[in-house]
Amino acid sequence: MRDHNGQAVVVLADPLFNFHVARLSALANQYRIPAIFGFDTYVVAGGLMSYGASLYEMNRGAAGYVDRILKGTPPVSLPIQQPTRFELVVNAKTARALGVRIPQSILLRADRVIE
């Protein structure tokens, strides 16, 4: 990205990327490229911000499915579920280090701001 004058990056929520949370966050910061991620784990690891489905809620829903399957419900009879809770998380410390000003309107809407 740096070689092509990239100004920002969006890292999609994908198992391949999720395996490299700390590395991707560190590389974005090392090359001073603001990055938004799909899950808050990247922001906790130092990434700039994330917006995506709540991992807590998704795992809770999956646990409910496991419970129902173990109690005999055929998996084919379970409805498809879509995420209903999305979270915006901002790492203010990373923003300062990158020289990025996060608008107050974003900070007020954030579910969590990491200082």
PDB file of N, CA and C in Angstrom:
ATOM      1  N   MET A   1       0.820  -1.195   0.000  1.00  0.00           N
ATOM      2  CA  MET A   1       0.000   0.000   0.000  1.00  0.00           C
ATOM      3  C   MET A   1       0.858   1.252   0.000  1.00  0.00           C
ATOM      4  N   ARG A   2       1.882   1.232   0.781  1.00  0.00           N
ATOM      5  CA  ARG A   2       2.729   2.418   0.863  1.00  0.00           C
ATOM      6  C   ARG A   2       3.360   2.711  -0.490  1.00  0.00           C
ATOM      7  N   ASP A   3       3.763   1.681  -1.210  1.00  0.00           N
ATOM      8  CA  ASP A   3       4.385   1.870  -2.520  1.00  0.00           C
ATOM      9  C   ASP A   3       3.409   2.430  -3.550  1.00  0.00           C
ATOM     10  N   HIS A   4       2.110   2.268  -3.295  1.00  0.00           N
ATOM     11  CA  HIS A   4       1.087   2.746  -4.224  1.00  0.00           C
ATOM     12  C   HIS A   4       0.335   3.953  -3.660  1.00  0.00           C
ATOM     13  N   ASN A   5       0.928   4.628  -2.690  1.00  0.00           N
ATOM     14  CA  ASN A   5       0.357   5.831  -2.078  1.00  0.00           C
ATOM     15  C   ASN A   5      -1.001   5.585  -1.430  1.00  0.00           C
ATOM     16  N   GLY A   6      -1.194   4.401  -0.871  1.00  0.00           N
ATOM     17  CA  GLY A   6      -2.431   4.117  -0.150  1.00  0.00           C
ATOM     18  C   GLY A   6      -2.555   5.020   1.061  1.00  0.00           C
ATOM     19  N   GLN A   7      -3.742   5.553   1.288  1.00  0.00           N
ATOM     20  CA  GLN A   7      -3.947   6.465   2.404  1.00  0.00           C
ATOM     21  C   GLN A   7      -4.669   5.825   3.567  1.00  0.00           C
ATOM     22  N   ALA A   8      -5.316   4.694   3.335  1.00  0.00           N
ATOM     23  CA  ALA A   8      -6.033   3.980   4.396  1.00  0.00           C
ATOM     24  C   ALA A   8      -6.324   2.573   3.895  1.00  0.00           C
ATOM     25  N   VAL A   9      -6.709   1.704   4.816  1.00  0.00           N
ATOM     26  CA  VAL A   9      -7.030   0.328   4.442  1.00  0.00           C
ATOM     27  C   VAL A   9      -8.208  -0.165   5.279  1.00  0.00           C
ATOM     28  N   VAL A  10      -9.031  -0.990   4.647  1.00  0.00           N
ATOM     29  CA  VAL A  10     -10.113  -1.677   5.341  1.00  0.00           C
ATOM     30  C   VAL A  10      -9.760  -3.162   5.312  1.00  0.00           C
ATOM     31  N   VAL A  11      -9.617  -3.767   6.485  1.00  0.00           N
ATOM     32  CA  VAL A  11      -9.305  -5.186   6.591  1.00  0.00           C
ATOM     33  C   VAL A  11     -10.608  -5.906   6.905  1.00  0.00           C
ATOM     34  N   LEU A  12     -11.063  -6.722   5.970  1.00  0.00           N
ATOM     35  CA  LEU A  12     -12.335  -7.415   6.127  1.00  0.00           C
ATOM     36  C   LEU A  12     -12.263  -8.491   7.201  1.00  0.00           C
ATOM     37  N   ALA A  13     -13.401  -8.778   7.777  1.00  0.00           N
ATOM     38  CA  ALA A  13     -13.488  -9.854   8.768  1.00  0.00           C
ATOM     39  C   ALA A  13     -13.402 -11.179   8.014  1.00  0.00           C
ATOM     40  N   ASP A  14     -12.282 -11.848   8.149  1.00  0.00           N
ATOM     41  CA  ASP A  14     -12.029 -13.082   7.415  1.00  0.00           C
ATOM     42  C   ASP A  14     -11.128 -13.966   8.278  1.00  0.00           C
ATOM     43  N   PRO A  15     -11.382 -15.261   8.329  1.00  0.00           N
ATOM     44  CA  PRO A  15     -10.545 -16.135   9.162  1.00  0.00           C
ATOM     45  C   PRO A  15      -9.048 -16.024   8.851  1.00  0.00           C
ATOM     46  N   LEU A  16      -8.685 -15.827   7.589  1.00  0.00           N
ATOM     47  CA  LEU A  16      -7.280 -15.680   7.231  1.00  0.00           C
ATOM     48  C   LEU A  16      -6.666 -14.474   7.927  1.00  0.00           C
ATOM     49  N   PHE A  17      -7.369 -13.342   7.893  1.00  0.00           N
ATOM     50  CA  PHE A  17      -6.863 -12.138   8.537  1.00  0.00           C
ATOM     51  C   PHE A  17      -6.955 -12.237  10.053  1.00  0.00           C
ATOM     52  N   ASN A  18      -8.002 -12.855  10.556  1.00  0.00           N
ATOM     53  CA  ASN A  18      -8.204 -12.947  12.007  1.00  0.00           C
ATOM     54  C   ASN A  18      -7.090 -13.717  12.695  1.00  0.00           C
ATOM     55  N   PHE A  19      -6.400 -14.543  11.952  1.00  0.00           N
ATOM     56  CA  PHE A  19      -5.276 -15.301  12.505  1.00  0.00           C
ATOM     57  C   PHE A  19      -4.074 -14.390  12.758  1.00  0.00           C
ATOM     58  N   HIS A  20      -4.044 -13.217  12.112  1.00  0.00           N
ATOM     59  CA  HIS A  20      -2.886 -12.320  12.182  1.00  0.00           C
ATOM     60  C   HIS A  20      -3.258 -10.955  12.766  1.00  0.00           C
ATOM     61  N   VAL A  21      -4.083 -10.952  13.788  1.00  0.00           N
ATOM     62  CA  VAL A  21      -4.591  -9.705  14.384  1.00  0.00           C
ATOM     63  C   VAL A  21      -3.457  -8.756  14.774  1.00  0.00           C
ATOM     64  N   ALA A  22      -2.560  -9.206  15.603  1.00  0.00           N
ATOM     65  CA  ALA A  22      -1.492  -8.333  16.108  1.00  0.00           C
ATOM     66  C   ALA A  22      -0.569  -7.881  14.978  1.00  0.00           C
ATOM     67  N   ARG A  23      -0.246  -8.779  14.077  1.00  0.00           N
ATOM     68  CA  ARG A  23       0.676  -8.440  12.979  1.00  0.00           C
ATOM     69  C   ARG A  23       0.071  -7.393  12.044  1.00  0.00           C
ATOM     70  N   LEU A  24      -1.191  -7.557  11.661  1.00  0.00           N
ATOM     71  CA  LEU A  24      -1.822  -6.595  10.759  1.00  0.00           C
ATOM     72  C   LEU A  24      -1.955  -5.221  11.407  1.00  0.00           C
ATOM     73  N   SER A  25      -2.327  -5.204  12.677  1.00  0.00           N
ATOM     74  CA  SER A  25      -2.435  -3.922  13.390  1.00  0.00           C
ATOM     75  C   SER A  25      -1.070  -3.243  13.480  1.00  0.00           C
ATOM     76  N   ALA A  26      -0.050  -4.023  13.805  1.00  0.00           N
ATOM     77  CA  ALA A  26       1.300  -3.469  13.939  1.00  0.00           C
ATOM     78  C   ALA A  26       1.832  -2.954  12.599  1.00  0.00           C
ATOM     79  N   LEU A  27       1.591  -3.683  11.507  1.00  0.00           N
ATOM     80  CA  LEU A  27       2.070  -3.239  10.199  1.00  0.00           C
ATOM     81  C   LEU A  27       1.389  -1.948   9.757  1.00  0.00           C
ATOM     82  N   ALA A  28       0.081  -1.862   9.973  1.00  0.00           N
ATOM     83  CA  ALA A  28      -0.637  -0.635   9.616  1.00  0.00           C
ATOM     84  C   ALA A  28      -0.056   0.549  10.376  1.00  0.00           C
ATOM     85  N   ASN A  29       0.228   0.360  11.648  1.00  0.00           N
ATOM     86  CA  ASN A  29       0.786   1.452  12.465  1.00  0.00           C
ATOM     87  C   ASN A  29       2.234   1.760  12.074  1.00  0.00           C
ATOM     88  N   GLN A  30       3.007   0.711  11.794  1.00  0.00           N
ATOM     89  CA  GLN A  30       4.407   0.900  11.409  1.00  0.00           C
ATOM     90  C   GLN A  30       4.518   1.763  10.153  1.00  0.00           C
ATOM     91  N   TYR A  31       3.637   1.516   9.196  1.00  0.00           N
ATOM     92  CA  TYR A  31       3.673   2.271   7.942  1.00  0.00           C
ATOM     93  C   TYR A  31       2.739   3.480   7.963  1.00  0.00           C
ATOM     94  N   ARG A  32       2.191   3.767   9.146  1.00  0.00           N
ATOM     95  CA  ARG A  32       1.347   4.948   9.372  1.00  0.00           C
ATOM     96  C   ARG A  32       0.165   4.996   8.398  1.00  0.00           C
ATOM     97  N   ILE A  33      -0.472   3.847   8.249  1.00  0.00           N
ATOM     98  CA  ILE A  33      -1.649   3.743   7.390  1.00  0.00           C
ATOM     99  C   ILE A  33      -2.865   3.522   8.287  1.00  0.00           C
ATOM    100  N   PRO A  34      -3.778   4.472   8.354  1.00  0.00           N
ATOM    101  CA  PRO A  34      -4.992   4.279   9.154  1.00  0.00           C
ATOM    102  C   PRO A  34      -5.761   3.054   8.638  1.00  0.00           C
ATOM    103  N   ALA A  35      -6.190   2.217   9.558  1.00  0.00           N
ATOM    104  CA  ALA A  35      -6.876   0.984   9.161  1.00  0.00           C
ATOM    105  C   ALA A  35      -8.141   0.785   9.983  1.00  0.00           C
ATOM    106  N   ILE A  36      -9.180   0.346   9.307  1.00  0.00           N
ATOM    107  CA  ILE A  36     -10.418  -0.034   9.988  1.00  0.00           C
ATOM    108  C   ILE A  36     -10.593  -1.534   9.785  1.00  0.00           C
ATOM    109  N   PHE A  37     -11.012  -2.183  10.855  1.00  0.00           N
ATOM    110  CA  PHE A  37     -11.108  -3.638  10.871  1.00  0.00           C
ATOM    111  C   PHE A  37     -12.542  -4.078  11.148  1.00  0.00           C
ATOM    112  N   GLY A  38     -12.804  -5.362  10.934  1.00  0.00           N
ATOM    113  CA  GLY A  38     -14.142  -5.900  11.129  1.00  0.00           C
ATOM    114  C   GLY A  38     -14.451  -6.289  12.569  1.00  0.00           C
ATOM    115  N   PHE A  39     -13.411  -6.474  13.387  1.00  0.00           N
ATOM    116  CA  PHE A  39     -13.637  -6.900  14.766  1.00  0.00           C
ATOM    117  C   PHE A  39     -12.806  -6.068  15.737  1.00  0.00           C
ATOM    118  N   ASP A  40     -13.306  -5.935  16.943  1.00  0.00           N
ATOM    119  CA  ASP A  40     -12.637  -5.115  17.960  1.00  0.00           C
ATOM    120  C   ASP A  40     -11.312  -5.688  18.435  1.00  0.00           C
ATOM    121  N   THR A  41     -11.060  -6.977  18.206  1.00  0.00           N
ATOM    122  CA  THR A  41      -9.795  -7.571  18.649  1.00  0.00           C
ATOM    123  C   THR A  41      -8.597  -6.860  18.016  1.00  0.00           C
ATOM    124  N   TYR A  42      -8.767  -6.366  16.791  1.00  0.00           N
ATOM    125  CA  TYR A  42      -7.699  -5.622  16.127  1.00  0.00           C
ATOM    126  C   TYR A  42      -7.434  -4.294  16.837  1.00  0.00           C
ATOM    127  N   VAL A  43      -8.484  -3.653  17.287  1.00  0.00           N
ATOM    128  CA  VAL A  43      -8.347  -2.353  17.949  1.00  0.00           C
ATOM    129  C   VAL A  43      -7.692  -2.534  19.311  1.00  0.00           C
ATOM    130  N   VAL A  44      -8.060  -3.578  20.005  1.00  0.00           N
ATOM    131  CA  VAL A  44      -7.423  -3.894  21.290  1.00  0.00           C
ATOM    132  C   VAL A  44      -5.930  -4.154  21.072  1.00  0.00           C
ATOM    133  N   ALA A  45      -5.583  -4.741  19.899  1.00  0.00           N
ATOM    134  CA  ALA A  45      -4.185  -5.030  19.572  1.00  0.00           C
ATOM    135  C   ALA A  45      -3.443  -3.804  19.030  1.00  0.00           C
ATOM    136  N   GLY A  46      -4.127  -2.650  18.946  1.00  0.00           N
ATOM    137  CA  GLY A  46      -3.470  -1.428  18.513  1.00  0.00           C
ATOM    138  C   GLY A  46      -3.971  -0.848  17.213  1.00  0.00           C
ATOM    139  N   GLY A  47      -4.928  -1.497  16.556  1.00  0.00           N
ATOM    140  CA  GLY A  47      -5.492  -0.962  15.324  1.00  0.00           C
ATOM    141  C   GLY A  47      -6.268   0.315  15.587  1.00  0.00           C
ATOM    142  N   LEU A  48      -6.544   1.083  14.542  1.00  0.00           N
ATOM    143  CA  LEU A  48      -7.194   2.377  14.694  1.00  0.00           C
ATOM    144  C   LEU A  48      -8.662   2.266  15.082  1.00  0.00           C
ATOM    145  N   MET A  49      -9.443   1.521  14.312  1.00  0.00           N
ATOM    146  CA  MET A  49     -10.866   1.414  14.635  1.00  0.00           C
ATOM    147  C   MET A  49     -11.456   0.179  13.999  1.00  0.00           C
ATOM    148  N   SER A  50     -12.631  -0.208  14.508  1.00  0.00           N
ATOM    149  CA  SER A  50     -13.345  -1.349  13.945  1.00  0.00           C
ATOM    150  C   SER A  50     -14.831  -1.058  13.918  1.00  0.00           C
ATOM    151  N   TYR A  51     -15.473  -1.668  12.954  1.00  0.00           N
ATOM    152  CA  TYR A  51     -16.929  -1.642  12.904  1.00  0.00           C
ATOM    153  C   TYR A  51     -17.361  -2.993  12.379  1.00  0.00           C
ATOM    154  N   GLY A  52     -18.145  -3.679  13.174  1.00  0.00           N
ATOM    155  CA  GLY A  52     -18.605  -4.992  12.747  1.00  0.00           C
ATOM    156  C   GLY A  52     -19.516  -5.619  13.770  1.00  0.00           C
ATOM    157  N   ALA A  53     -19.953  -6.802  13.435  1.00  0.00           N
ATOM    158  CA  ALA A  53     -20.844  -7.547  14.313  1.00  0.00           C
ATOM    159  C   ALA A  53     -20.157  -7.824  15.649  1.00  0.00           C
ATOM    160  N   SER A  54     -20.949  -7.823  16.701  1.00  0.00           N
ATOM    161  CA  SER A  54     -20.433  -8.099  18.042  1.00  0.00           C
ATOM    162  C   SER A  54     -20.030  -9.566  18.141  1.00  0.00           C
ATOM    163  N   LEU A  55     -18.750  -9.818  18.394  1.00  0.00           N
ATOM    164  CA  LEU A  55     -18.286 -11.197  18.548  1.00  0.00           C
ATOM    165  C   LEU A  55     -18.961 -11.872  19.734  1.00  0.00           C
ATOM    166  N   TYR A  56     -19.172 -11.111  20.799  1.00  0.00           N
ATOM    167  CA  TYR A  56     -19.837 -11.658  21.979  1.00  0.00           C
ATOM    168  C   TYR A  56     -21.225 -12.178  21.614  1.00  0.00           C
ATOM    169  N   GLU A  57     -22.003 -11.363  20.917  1.00  0.00           N
ATOM    170  CA  GLU A  57     -23.362 -11.758  20.538  1.00  0.00           C
ATOM    171  C   GLU A  57     -23.353 -12.917  19.556  1.00  0.00           C
ATOM    172  N   MET A  58     -22.414 -12.916  18.610  1.00  0.00           N
ATOM    173  CA  MET A  58     -22.341 -14.019  17.645  1.00  0.00           C
ATOM    174  C   MET A  58     -21.994 -15.331  18.344  1.00  0.00           C
ATOM    175  N   ASN A  59     -21.042 -15.284  19.274  1.00  0.00           N
ATOM    176  CA  ASN A  59     -20.659 -16.500  20.003  1.00  0.00           C
ATOM    177  C   ASN A  59     -21.782 -16.973  20.914  1.00  0.00           C
ATOM    178  N   ARG A  60     -22.491 -16.027  21.486  1.00  0.00           N
ATOM    179  CA  ARG A  60     -23.637 -16.381  22.335  1.00  0.00           C
ATOM    180  C   ARG A  60     -24.715 -17.091  21.514  1.00  0.00           C
ATOM    181  N   GLY A  61     -24.991 -16.580  20.320  1.00  0.00           N
ATOM    182  CA  GLY A  61     -25.962 -17.215  19.433  1.00  0.00           C
ATOM    183  C   GLY A  61     -25.507 -18.602  19.005  1.00  0.00           C
ATOM    184  N   ALA A  62     -24.213 -18.750  18.717  1.00  0.00           N
ATOM    185  CA  ALA A  62     -23.673 -20.059  18.334  1.00  0.00           C
ATOM    186  C   ALA A  62     -23.801 -21.048  19.485  1.00  0.00           C
ATOM    187  N   ALA A  63     -23.562 -20.586  20.695  1.00  0.00           N
ATOM    188  CA  ALA A  63     -23.696 -21.466  21.864  1.00  0.00           C
ATOM    189  C   ALA A  63     -25.142 -21.935  22.008  1.00  0.00           C
ATOM    190  N   GLY A  64     -26.079 -21.049  21.721  1.00  0.00           N
ATOM    191  CA  GLY A  64     -27.485 -21.438  21.769  1.00  0.00           C
ATOM    192  C   GLY A  64     -27.805 -22.512  20.743  1.00  0.00           C
ATOM    193  N   TYR A  65     -27.216 -22.403  19.560  1.00  0.00           N
ATOM    194  CA  TYR A  65     -27.416 -23.425  18.534  1.00  0.00           C
ATOM    195  C   TYR A  65     -26.823 -24.762  18.971  1.00  0.00           C
ATOM    196  N   VAL A  66     -25.625 -24.723  19.523  1.00  0.00           N
ATOM    197  CA  VAL A  66     -24.986 -25.954  20.002  1.00  0.00           C
ATOM    198  C   VAL A  66     -25.863 -26.615  21.053  1.00  0.00           C
ATOM    199  N   ASP A  67     -26.388 -25.818  21.969  1.00  0.00           N
ATOM    200  CA  ASP A  67     -27.271 -26.339  23.015  1.00  0.00           C
ATOM    201  C   ASP A  67     -28.477 -27.039  22.407  1.00  0.00           C
ATOM    202  N   ARG A  68     -29.101 -26.396  21.443  1.00  0.00           N
ATOM    203  CA  ARG A  68     -30.299 -26.974  20.821  1.00  0.00           C
ATOM    204  C   ARG A  68     -29.973 -28.245  20.048  1.00  0.00           C
ATOM    205  N   ILE A  69     -28.843 -28.268  19.360  1.00  0.00           N
ATOM    206  CA  ILE A  69     -28.437 -29.460  18.601  1.00  0.00           C
ATOM    207  C   ILE A  69     -28.141 -30.607  19.553  1.00  0.00           C
ATOM    208  N   LEU A  70     -27.435 -30.326  20.651  1.00  0.00           N
ATOM    209  CA  LEU A  70     -27.122 -31.377  21.620  1.00  0.00           C
ATOM    210  C   LEU A  70     -28.375 -31.926  22.298  1.00  0.00           C
ATOM    211  N   LYS A  71     -29.435 -31.119  22.326  1.00  0.00           N
ATOM    212  CA  LYS A  71     -30.699 -31.573  22.905  1.00  0.00           C
ATOM    213  C   LYS A  71     -31.593 -32.254  21.872  1.00  0.00           C
ATOM    214  N   GLY A  72     -31.070 -32.433  20.642  1.00  0.00           N
ATOM    215  CA  GLY A  72     -31.801 -33.211  19.653  1.00  0.00           C
ATOM    216  C   GLY A  72     -32.421 -32.451  18.497  1.00  0.00           C
ATOM    217  N   THR A  73     -32.339 -31.142  18.476  1.00  0.00           N
ATOM    218  CA  THR A  73     -32.911 -30.383  17.364  1.00  0.00           C
ATOM    219  C   THR A  73     -32.076 -30.634  16.112  1.00  0.00           C
ATOM    220  N   PRO A  74     -32.704 -31.039  15.022  1.00  0.00           N
ATOM    221  CA  PRO A  74     -31.940 -31.239  13.786  1.00  0.00           C
ATOM    222  C   PRO A  74     -31.385 -29.891  13.282  1.00  0.00           C
ATOM    223  N   PRO A  75     -30.111 -29.836  12.963  1.00  0.00           N
ATOM    224  CA  PRO A  75     -29.519 -28.572  12.508  1.00  0.00           C
ATOM    225  C   PRO A  75     -30.259 -27.949  11.322  1.00  0.00           C
ATOM    226  N   VAL A  76     -30.787 -28.772  10.435  1.00  0.00           N
ATOM    227  CA  VAL A  76     -31.479 -28.248   9.260  1.00  0.00           C
ATOM    228  C   VAL A  76     -32.734 -27.460   9.634  1.00  0.00           C
ATOM    229  N   SER A  77     -33.267 -27.709  10.821  1.00  0.00           N
ATOM    230  CA  SER A  77     -34.491 -27.019  11.234  1.00  0.00           C
ATOM    231  C   SER A  77     -34.210 -25.670  11.923  1.00  0.00           C
ATOM    232  N   LEU A  78     -32.944 -25.381  12.188  1.00  0.00           N
ATOM    233  CA  LEU A  78     -32.601 -24.128  12.853  1.00  0.00           C
ATOM    234  C   LEU A  78     -32.570 -22.995  11.823  1.00  0.00           C
ATOM    235  N   PRO A  79     -33.157 -21.857  12.168  1.00  0.00           N
ATOM    236  CA  PRO A  79     -33.180 -20.738  11.213  1.00  0.00           C
ATOM    237  C   PRO A  79     -31.796 -20.111  11.063  1.00  0.00           C
ATOM    238  N   ILE A  80     -31.576 -19.526   9.908  1.00  0.00           N
ATOM    239  CA  ILE A  80     -30.350 -18.770   9.684  1.00  0.00           C
ATOM    240  C   ILE A  80     -30.458 -17.473  10.469  1.00  0.00           C
ATOM    241  N   GLN A  81     -29.402 -17.136  11.171  1.00  0.00           N
ATOM    242  CA  GLN A  81     -29.404 -15.905  11.959  1.00  0.00           C
ATOM    243  C   GLN A  81     -28.432 -14.897  11.365  1.00  0.00           C
ATOM    244  N   GLN A  82     -28.809 -13.647  11.429  1.00  0.00           N
ATOM    245  CA  GLN A  82     -27.955 -12.543  11.012  1.00  0.00           C
ATOM    246  C   GLN A  82     -27.563 -11.752  12.258  1.00  0.00           C
ATOM    247  N   PRO A  83     -26.403 -11.141  12.241  1.00  0.00           N
ATOM    248  CA  PRO A  83     -26.036 -10.304  13.391  1.00  0.00           C
ATOM    249  C   PRO A  83     -27.055  -9.189  13.586  1.00  0.00           C
ATOM    250  N   THR A  84     -27.323  -8.879  14.835  1.00  0.00           N
ATOM    251  CA  THR A  84     -28.262  -7.802  15.142  1.00  0.00           C
ATOM    252  C   THR A  84     -27.593  -6.664  15.915  1.00  0.00           C
ATOM    253  N   ARG A  85     -26.415  -6.928  16.424  1.00  0.00           N
ATOM    254  CA  ARG A  85     -25.695  -5.894  17.183  1.00  0.00           C
ATOM    255  C   ARG A  85     -24.341  -5.657  16.533  1.00  0.00           C
ATOM    256  N   PHE A  86     -24.091  -4.409  16.189  1.00  0.00           N
ATOM    257  CA  PHE A  86     -22.826  -4.012  15.595  1.00  0.00           C
ATOM    258  C   PHE A  86     -22.138  -3.033  16.530  1.00  0.00           C
ATOM    259  N   GLU A  87     -20.803  -3.089  16.536  1.00  0.00           N
ATOM    260  CA  GLU A  87     -20.030  -2.252  17.451  1.00  0.00           C
ATOM    261  C   GLU A  87     -19.024  -1.392  16.694  1.00  0.00           C
ATOM    262  N   LEU A  88     -18.912  -0.161  17.123  1.00  0.00           N
ATOM    263  CA  LEU A  88     -17.887   0.757  16.633  1.00  0.00           C
ATOM    264  C   LEU A  88     -16.907   0.966  17.779  1.00  0.00           C
ATOM    265  N   VAL A  89     -15.656   0.627  17.546  1.00  0.00           N
ATOM    266  CA  VAL A  89     -14.617   0.758  18.568  1.00  0.00           C
ATOM    267  C   VAL A  89     -13.482   1.596  17.982  1.00  0.00           C
ATOM    268  N   VAL A  90     -13.011   2.575  18.747  1.00  0.00           N
ATOM    269  CA  VAL A  90     -11.962   3.494  18.306  1.00  0.00           C
ATOM    270  C   VAL A  90     -10.804   3.443  19.298  1.00  0.00           C
ATOM    271  N   ASN A  91      -9.593   3.379  18.767  1.00  0.00           N
ATOM    272  CA  ASN A  91      -8.401   3.429  19.605  1.00  0.00           C
ATOM    273  C   ASN A  91      -7.834   4.848  19.513  1.00  0.00           C
ATOM    274  N   ALA A  92      -8.137   5.669  20.498  1.00  0.00           N
ATOM    275  CA  ALA A  92      -7.712   7.071  20.501  1.00  0.00           C
ATOM    276  C   ALA A  92      -6.194   7.195  20.602  1.00  0.00           C
ATOM    277  N   LYS A  93      -5.559   6.282  21.301  1.00  0.00           N
ATOM    278  CA  LYS A  93      -4.095   6.307  21.428  1.00  0.00           C
ATOM    279  C   LYS A  93      -3.441   6.104  20.062  1.00  0.00           C
ATOM    280  N   THR A  94      -3.955   5.151  19.292  1.00  0.00           N
ATOM    281  CA  THR A  94      -3.420   4.909  17.951  1.00  0.00           C
ATOM    282  C   THR A  94      -3.686   6.102  17.041  1.00  0.00           C
ATOM    283  N   ALA A  95      -4.867   6.699  17.158  1.00  0.00           N
ATOM    284  CA  ALA A  95      -5.191   7.873  16.348  1.00  0.00           C
ATOM    285  C   ALA A  95      -4.179   8.986  16.599  1.00  0.00           C
ATOM    286  N   ARG A  96      -3.864   9.228  17.860  1.00  0.00           N
ATOM    287  CA  ARG A  96      -2.880  10.271  18.195  1.00  0.00           C
ATOM    288  C   ARG A  96      -1.510   9.932  17.602  1.00  0.00           C
ATOM    289  N   ALA A  97      -1.112   8.653  17.721  1.00  0.00           N
ATOM    290  CA  ALA A  97       0.198   8.232  17.205  1.00  0.00           C
ATOM    291  C   ALA A  97       0.275   8.387  15.685  1.00  0.00           C
ATOM    292  N   LEU A  98      -0.850   8.185  14.999  1.00  0.00           N
ATOM    293  CA  LEU A  98      -0.878   8.307  13.538  1.00  0.00           C
ATOM    294  C   LEU A  98      -1.125   9.743  13.078  1.00  0.00           C
ATOM    295  N   GLY A  99      -1.464  10.614  14.016  1.00  0.00           N
ATOM    296  CA  GLY A  99      -1.790  11.992  13.654  1.00  0.00           C
ATOM    297  C   GLY A  99      -3.147  12.115  12.982  1.00  0.00           C
ATOM    298  N   VAL A 100      -4.049  11.196  13.320  1.00  0.00           N
ATOM    299  CA  VAL A 100      -5.398  11.195  12.748  1.00  0.00           C
ATOM    300  C   VAL A 100      -6.355  11.805  13.755  1.00  0.00           C
ATOM    301  N   ARG A 101      -7.140  12.777  13.306  1.00  0.00           N
ATOM    302  CA  ARG A 101      -8.145  13.372  14.184  1.00  0.00           C
ATOM    303  C   ARG A 101      -9.473  12.661  13.952  1.00  0.00           C
ATOM    304  N   ILE A 102      -9.967  12.017  14.997  1.00  0.00           N
ATOM    305  CA  ILE A 102     -11.266  11.337  14.931  1.00  0.00           C
ATOM    306  C   ILE A 102     -12.338  12.376  15.267  1.00  0.00           C
ATOM    307  N   PRO A 103     -13.285  12.603  14.373  1.00  0.00           N
ATOM    308  CA  PRO A 103     -14.330  13.593  14.652  1.00  0.00           C
ATOM    309  C   PRO A 103     -15.097  13.264  15.933  1.00  0.00           C
ATOM    310  N   GLN A 104     -15.483  14.285  16.639  1.00  0.00           N
ATOM    311  CA  GLN A 104     -16.229  14.119  17.889  1.00  0.00           C
ATOM    312  C   GLN A 104     -17.504  13.316  17.659  1.00  0.00           C
ATOM    313  N   SER A 105     -18.140  13.500  16.518  1.00  0.00           N
ATOM    314  CA  SER A 105     -19.377  12.766  16.227  1.00  0.00           C
ATOM    315  C   SER A 105     -19.132  11.257  16.193  1.00  0.00           C
ATOM    316  N   ILE A 106     -17.963  10.836  15.719  1.00  0.00           N
ATOM    317  CA  ILE A 106     -17.614   9.403  15.702  1.00  0.00           C
ATOM    318  C   ILE A 106     -17.343   8.929  17.120  1.00  0.00           C
ATOM    319  N   LEU A 107     -16.605   9.718  17.886  1.00  0.00           N
ATOM    320  CA  LEU A 107     -16.294   9.333  19.267  1.00  0.00           C
ATOM    321  C   LEU A 107     -17.560   9.194  20.101  1.00  0.00           C
ATOM    322  N   LEU A 108     -18.540  10.062  19.859  1.00  0.00           N
ATOM    323  CA  LEU A 108     -19.795   9.992  20.612  1.00  0.00           C
ATOM    324  C   LEU A 108     -20.628   8.771  20.216  1.00  0.00           C
ATOM    325  N   ARG A 109     -20.510   8.351  18.989  1.00  0.00           N
ATOM    326  CA  ARG A 109     -21.265   7.183  18.519  1.00  0.00           C
ATOM    327  C   ARG A 109     -20.584   5.862  18.844  1.00  0.00           C
ATOM    328  N   ALA A 110     -19.296   5.925  19.172  1.00  0.00           N
ATOM    329  CA  ALA A 110     -18.538   4.693  19.433  1.00  0.00           C
ATOM    330  C   ALA A 110     -19.095   3.953  20.639  1.00  0.00           C
ATOM    331  N   ASP A 111     -19.128   2.644  20.525  1.00  0.00           N
ATOM    332  CA  ASP A 111     -19.514   1.805  21.655  1.00  0.00           C
ATOM    333  C   ASP A 111     -18.412   1.778  22.701  1.00  0.00           C
ATOM    334  N   ARG A 112     -17.176   1.956  22.227  1.00  0.00           N
ATOM    335  CA  ARG A 112     -16.036   1.941  23.138  1.00  0.00           C
ATOM    336  C   ARG A 112     -14.903   2.758  22.523  1.00  0.00           C
ATOM    337  N   VAL A 113     -14.240   3.545  23.365  1.00  0.00           N
ATOM    338  CA  VAL A 113     -13.067   4.307  22.951  1.00  0.00           C
ATOM    339  C   VAL A 113     -11.914   3.859  23.840  1.00  0.00           C
ATOM    340  N   ILE A 114     -10.867   3.345  23.223  1.00  0.00           N
ATOM    341  CA  ILE A 114      -9.702   2.882  23.958  1.00  0.00           C
ATOM    342  C   ILE A 114      -8.714   4.033  24.033  1.00  0.00           C
ATOM    343  N   GLU A 115      -8.321   4.395  25.261  1.00  0.00           N
ATOM    344  CA  GLU A 115      -7.396   5.512  25.474  1.00  0.00           C
ATOM    345  C   GLU A 115      -5.977   5.037  25.578  1.00  0.00           C
TER     346      GLU A 115
END
